[in-house]
Amino acid sequence: MKTINLNIAIRYCQLDELTGADLELIDHAMKATDNAYAEYSHFYVGAALRLANGRIVIGANQENAAFPSGLCAERTAVFSAQANFPDQSIESLALVACNDNGLIDNPVTPCGACRQVLLGVEERYAHPMRVLMYGKSGVYIVDSVKDLLPLSFVDSSMK
């Protein structure tokens, strides 16, 4: 038996350490939380992504009384971007979440289903996607979705 060690790089920083472009993306994600429909969880998530052409697309979580019918902020943004700009890769994605008390303290991370979708998009365009996960205490940054989903299942896994 052998052990496989995985090296995953997650940077942690404060807002004042980010570039202007990253701050702009986080600001768009913050504003997108206003578009969330979270009547059941009261957990409002906003996502903003920057495409290769510089355009910013936002998304917000949408809940439904039939719980499996809702959709996370990340996937609403990604699916909107792919439907409207199918030839553009996603350069960066920012996530922000709040509850009834305001912005959450710790950085919000994508759920497993969103990680799988984000990785599929990264693979589709053969281009890494930076992910910025905001919380009042700081921001997690990964340079590739692969760092969020090691030992992943992608198209090439079926060959």
C-alpha atoms as a PDB file:
ATOM      1  CA  MET A   1       0.000   0.000   0.000  1.00  0.00           C
ATOM      2  CA  LYS A   2       1.205   3.501  -0.702  1.00  0.00           C
ATOM      3  CA  THR A   3       0.045   6.902   0.443  1.00  0.00           C
ATOM      4  CA  ILE A   4      -0.849   9.622  -2.023  1.00  0.00           C
ATOM      5  CA  ASN A   5      -0.346  13.149  -0.734  1.00  0.00           C
ATOM      6  CA  LEU A   6      -2.348  15.892  -2.365  1.00  0.00           C
ATOM      7  CA  ASN A   7      -1.062  19.449  -2.323  1.00  0.00           C
ATOM      8  CA  ILE A   8      -3.807  22.023  -2.403  1.00  0.00           C
ATOM      9  CA  ALA A   9      -3.042  25.735  -2.363  1.00  0.00           C
ATOM     10  CA  ILE A  10      -5.613  27.964  -0.677  1.00  0.00           C
ATOM     11  CA  ARG A  11      -4.544  31.523   0.008  1.00  0.00           C
ATOM     12  CA  TYR A  12      -6.182  33.551   2.761  1.00  0.00           C
ATOM     13  CA  CYS A  13      -6.099  37.329   2.681  1.00  0.00           C
ATOM     14  CA  GLN A  14      -7.881  40.496   3.699  1.00  0.00           C
ATOM     15  CA  LEU A  15      -9.793  42.750   1.315  1.00  0.00           C
ATOM     16  CA  ASP A  16      -7.037  45.360   1.289  1.00  0.00           C
ATOM     17  CA  GLU A  17      -4.656  42.761  -0.166  1.00  0.00           C
ATOM     18  CA  LEU A  18      -6.822  42.163  -3.256  1.00  0.00           C
ATOM     19  CA  THR A  19      -6.487  43.776  -6.668  1.00  0.00           C
ATOM     20  CA  GLY A  20      -9.027  46.290  -7.884  1.00  0.00           C
ATOM     21  CA  ALA A  21     -10.448  43.694 -10.277  1.00  0.00           C
ATOM     22  CA  ASP A  22     -10.959  41.190  -7.452  1.00  0.00           C
ATOM     23  CA  LEU A  23     -12.573  43.840  -5.240  1.00  0.00           C
ATOM     24  CA  GLU A  24     -14.921  44.739  -8.094  1.00  0.00           C
ATOM     25  CA  LEU A  25     -15.930  41.097  -8.490  1.00  0.00           C
ATOM     26  CA  ILE A  26     -16.588  40.694  -4.756  1.00  0.00           C
ATOM     27  CA  ASP A  27     -18.637  43.904  -4.791  1.00  0.00           C
ATOM     28  CA  HIS A  28     -20.794  42.521  -7.619  1.00  0.00           C
ATOM     29  CA  ALA A  29     -21.248  39.275  -5.660  1.00  0.00           C
ATOM     30  CA  MET A  30     -22.280  41.258  -2.552  1.00  0.00           C
ATOM     31  CA  LYS A  31     -24.879  43.155  -4.553  1.00  0.00           C
ATOM     32  CA  ALA A  32     -26.103  39.892  -6.101  1.00  0.00           C
ATOM     33  CA  THR A  33     -27.117  38.634  -2.634  1.00  0.00           C
ATOM     34  CA  ASP A  34     -30.011  41.113  -2.914  1.00  0.00           C
ATOM     35  CA  ASN A  35     -31.340  39.027  -5.816  1.00  0.00           C
ATOM     36  CA  ALA A  36     -31.383  35.789  -3.827  1.00  0.00           C
ATOM     37  CA  TYR A  37     -34.695  34.131  -3.062  1.00  0.00           C
ATOM     38  CA  ALA A  38     -33.987  32.304   0.194  1.00  0.00           C
ATOM     39  CA  GLU A  39     -37.338  32.195   1.979  1.00  0.00           C
ATOM     40  CA  TYR A  40     -36.571  28.835   3.571  1.00  0.00           C
ATOM     41  CA  SER A  41     -32.895  28.870   4.527  1.00  0.00           C
ATOM     42  CA  HIS A  42     -32.500  32.645   4.966  1.00  0.00           C
ATOM     43  CA  PHE A  43     -29.003  32.129   3.531  1.00  0.00           C
ATOM     44  CA  TYR A  44     -28.534  34.585   0.687  1.00  0.00           C
ATOM     45  CA  VAL A  45     -25.664  33.829  -1.682  1.00  0.00           C
ATOM     46  CA  GLY A  46     -24.372  36.011  -4.485  1.00  0.00           C
ATOM     47  CA  ALA A  47     -21.910  35.036  -7.174  1.00  0.00           C
ATOM     48  CA  ALA A  48     -20.141  37.147  -9.751  1.00  0.00           C
ATOM     49  CA  LEU A  49     -17.899  35.827 -12.466  1.00  0.00           C
ATOM     50  CA  ARG A  50     -15.600  37.528 -14.917  1.00  0.00           C
ATOM     51  CA  LEU A  51     -15.424  36.110 -18.419  1.00  0.00           C
ATOM     52  CA  ALA A  52     -12.355  36.136 -20.645  1.00  0.00           C
ATOM     53  CA  ASN A  53     -13.811  39.141 -22.501  1.00  0.00           C
ATOM     54  CA  GLY A  54     -14.044  41.094 -19.218  1.00  0.00           C
ATOM     55  CA  ARG A  55     -17.824  40.926 -18.880  1.00  0.00           C
ATOM     56  CA  ILE A  56     -19.175  40.287 -15.382  1.00  0.00           C
ATOM     57  CA  VAL A  57     -22.157  37.959 -14.933  1.00  0.00           C
ATOM     58  CA  ILE A  58     -23.945  37.613 -11.597  1.00  0.00           C
ATOM     59  CA  GLY A  59     -26.044  34.896 -10.019  1.00  0.00           C
ATOM     60  CA  ALA A  60     -27.995  34.424  -6.790  1.00  0.00           C
ATOM     61  CA  ASN A  61     -29.406  31.357  -5.093  1.00  0.00           C
ATOM     62  CA  GLN A  62     -33.056  30.610  -5.820  1.00  0.00           C
ATOM     63  CA  GLU A  63     -35.007  28.377  -3.449  1.00  0.00           C
ATOM     64  CA  ASN A  64     -38.283  26.598  -3.998  1.00  0.00           C
ATOM     65  CA  ALA A  65     -40.739  24.856  -1.680  1.00  0.00           C
ATOM     66  CA  ALA A  66     -39.794  21.653  -3.517  1.00  0.00           C
ATOM     67  CA  PHE A  67     -36.216  21.880  -2.190  1.00  0.00           C
ATOM     68  CA  PRO A  68     -34.414  19.959  -4.938  1.00  0.00           C
ATOM     69  CA  SER A  69     -35.822  22.448  -7.445  1.00  0.00           C
ATOM     70  CA  GLY A  70     -33.733  25.372  -6.183  1.00  0.00           C
ATOM     71  CA  LEU A  71     -30.384  26.424  -7.564  1.00  0.00           C
ATOM     72  CA  CYS A  72     -27.198  27.814  -6.035  1.00  0.00           C
ATOM     73  CA  ALA A  73     -25.759  31.225  -6.911  1.00  0.00           C
ATOM     74  CA  GLU A  74     -22.686  29.754  -8.576  1.00  0.00           C
ATOM     75  CA  ARG A  75     -24.696  27.648 -10.980  1.00  0.00           C
ATOM     76  CA  THR A  76     -27.145  30.445 -11.846  1.00  0.00           C
ATOM     77  CA  ALA A  77     -24.171  32.645 -12.801  1.00  0.00           C
ATOM     78  CA  VAL A  78     -22.327  29.895 -14.700  1.00  0.00           C
ATOM     79  CA  PHE A  79     -25.366  28.687 -16.612  1.00  0.00           C
ATOM     80  CA  SER A  80     -26.339  32.250 -17.531  1.00  0.00           C
ATOM     81  CA  ALA A  81     -22.799  32.949 -18.757  1.00  0.00           C
ATOM     82  CA  GLN A  82     -22.666  29.763 -20.804  1.00  0.00           C
ATOM     83  CA  ALA A  83     -26.099  30.360 -22.322  1.00  0.00           C
ATOM     84  CA  ASN A  84     -25.260  33.932 -23.323  1.00  0.00           C
ATOM     85  CA  PHE A  85     -21.498  33.773 -23.941  1.00  0.00           C
ATOM     86  CA  PRO A  86     -20.724  30.133 -24.813  1.00  0.00           C
ATOM     87  CA  ASP A  87     -17.351  30.951 -26.368  1.00  0.00           C
ATOM     88  CA  GLN A  88     -15.994  32.713 -23.257  1.00  0.00           C
ATOM     89  CA  SER A  89     -14.082  30.957 -20.489  1.00  0.00           C
ATOM     90  CA  ILE A  90     -14.552  32.036 -16.889  1.00  0.00           C
ATOM     91  CA  GLU A  91     -11.483  33.769 -15.491  1.00  0.00           C
ATOM     92  CA  SER A  92     -12.637  34.319 -11.891  1.00  0.00           C
ATOM     93  CA  LEU A  93     -15.648  33.673  -9.680  1.00  0.00           C
ATOM     94  CA  ALA A  94     -16.436  35.469  -6.406  1.00  0.00           C
ATOM     95  CA  LEU A  95     -18.853  34.209  -3.747  1.00  0.00           C
ATOM     96  CA  VAL A  96     -20.459  36.137  -0.916  1.00  0.00           C
ATOM     97  CA  ALA A  97     -23.155  35.039   1.545  1.00  0.00           C
ATOM     98  CA  CYS A  98     -25.262  36.641   4.223  1.00  0.00           C
ATOM     99  CA  ASN A  99     -28.013  35.584   6.562  1.00  0.00           C
ATOM    100  CA  ASP A 100     -30.618  37.588   8.437  1.00  0.00           C
ATOM    101  CA  ASN A 101     -27.806  39.082  10.578  1.00  0.00           C
ATOM    102  CA  GLY A 102     -25.774  40.338   7.592  1.00  0.00           C
ATOM    103  CA  LEU A 103     -22.609  39.156   5.880  1.00  0.00           C
ATOM    104  CA  ILE A 104     -21.252  35.897   7.271  1.00  0.00           C
ATOM    105  CA  ASP A 105     -17.961  35.888   9.181  1.00  0.00           C
ATOM    106  CA  ASN A 106     -16.169  32.968   7.531  1.00  0.00           C
ATOM    107  CA  PRO A 107     -15.587  32.650   3.787  1.00  0.00           C
ATOM    108  CA  VAL A 108     -18.451  30.865   2.019  1.00  0.00           C
ATOM    109  CA  THR A 109     -17.441  27.830  -0.034  1.00  0.00           C
ATOM    110  CA  PRO A 110     -19.273  26.152  -2.929  1.00  0.00           C
ATOM    111  CA  CYS A 111     -21.363  23.061  -2.234  1.00  0.00           C
ATOM    112  CA  GLY A 112     -20.317  19.750  -3.782  1.00  0.00           C
ATOM    113  CA  ALA A 113     -22.705  20.034  -6.729  1.00  0.00           C
ATOM    114  CA  CYS A 114     -21.381  23.497  -7.574  1.00  0.00           C
ATOM    115  CA  ARG A 115     -17.788  22.320  -7.282  1.00  0.00           C
ATOM    116  CA  GLN A 116     -18.537  19.586  -9.817  1.00  0.00           C
ATOM    117  CA  VAL A 117     -20.179  22.039 -12.236  1.00  0.00           C
ATOM    118  CA  LEU A 118     -17.370  24.583 -11.843  1.00  0.00           C
ATOM    119  CA  LEU A 119     -14.779  21.905 -12.508  1.00  0.00           C
ATOM    120  CA  GLY A 120     -16.673  20.776 -15.600  1.00  0.00           C
ATOM    121  CA  VAL A 121     -16.590  24.350 -16.931  1.00  0.00           C
ATOM    122  CA  GLU A 122     -12.899  24.639 -16.148  1.00  0.00           C
ATOM    123  CA  GLU A 123     -12.265  21.398 -18.045  1.00  0.00           C
ATOM    124  CA  ARG A 124     -14.521  22.430 -20.954  1.00  0.00           C
ATOM    125  CA  TYR A 125     -12.490  25.544 -21.655  1.00  0.00           C
ATOM    126  CA  ALA A 126      -9.144  24.029 -20.603  1.00  0.00           C
ATOM    127  CA  HIS A 127      -8.588  27.160 -18.547  1.00  0.00           C
ATOM    128  CA  PRO A 128      -8.215  27.431 -14.766  1.00  0.00           C
ATOM    129  CA  MET A 129     -10.876  29.389 -12.894  1.00  0.00           C
ATOM    130  CA  ARG A 130      -9.838  31.454  -9.874  1.00  0.00           C
ATOM    131  CA  VAL A 131     -12.359  31.301  -7.045  1.00  0.00           C
ATOM    132  CA  LEU A 132     -12.618  34.009  -4.385  1.00  0.00           C
ATOM    133  CA  MET A 133     -14.680  33.046  -1.326  1.00  0.00           C
ATOM    134  CA  TYR A 134     -15.546  36.035   0.860  1.00  0.00           C
ATOM    135  CA  GLY A 135     -16.314  36.268   4.562  1.00  0.00           C
ATOM    136  CA  LYS A 136     -16.019  39.271   6.880  1.00  0.00           C
ATOM    137  CA  SER A 137     -12.940  37.645   8.452  1.00  0.00           C
ATOM    138  CA  GLY A 138     -11.136  37.334   5.106  1.00  0.00           C
ATOM    139  CA  VAL A 139     -11.072  35.802   1.651  1.00  0.00           C
ATOM    140  CA  TYR A 140     -10.029  32.327   0.524  1.00  0.00           C
ATOM    141  CA  ILE A 141      -8.539  32.216  -2.972  1.00  0.00           C
ATOM    142  CA  VAL A 142      -7.809  29.194  -5.136  1.00  0.00           C
ATOM    143  CA  ASP A 143      -6.288  29.409  -8.594  1.00  0.00           C
ATOM    144  CA  SER A 144      -8.163  26.382  -9.929  1.00  0.00           C
ATOM    145  CA  VAL A 145     -11.389  24.590  -9.076  1.00  0.00           C
ATOM    146  CA  LYS A 146      -9.258  21.435  -8.933  1.00  0.00           C
ATOM    147  CA  ASP A 147      -8.058  22.669  -5.540  1.00  0.00           C
ATOM    148  CA  LEU A 148     -11.673  22.559  -4.317  1.00  0.00           C
ATOM    149  CA  LEU A 149     -12.374  19.093  -5.687  1.00  0.00           C
ATOM    150  CA  PRO A 150      -9.336  16.809  -5.600  1.00  0.00           C
ATOM    151  CA  LEU A 151      -9.708  13.276  -6.983  1.00  0.00           C
ATOM    152  CA  SER A 152     -12.432  14.658  -9.199  1.00  0.00           C
ATOM    153  CA  PHE A 153     -14.640  12.996 -11.778  1.00  0.00           C
ATOM    154  CA  VAL A 154     -14.457  14.687 -15.186  1.00  0.00           C
ATOM    155  CA  ASP A 155     -15.122  13.718 -18.810  1.00  0.00           C
ATOM    156  CA  SER A 156     -11.710  12.084 -19.177  1.00  0.00           C
ATOM    157  CA  SER A 157     -12.557   9.841 -16.207  1.00  0.00           C
ATOM    158  CA  MET A 158     -14.948   7.918 -18.479  1.00  0.00           C
ATOM    159  CA  LYS A 159     -12.330   7.092 -21.130  1.00  0.00           C
END
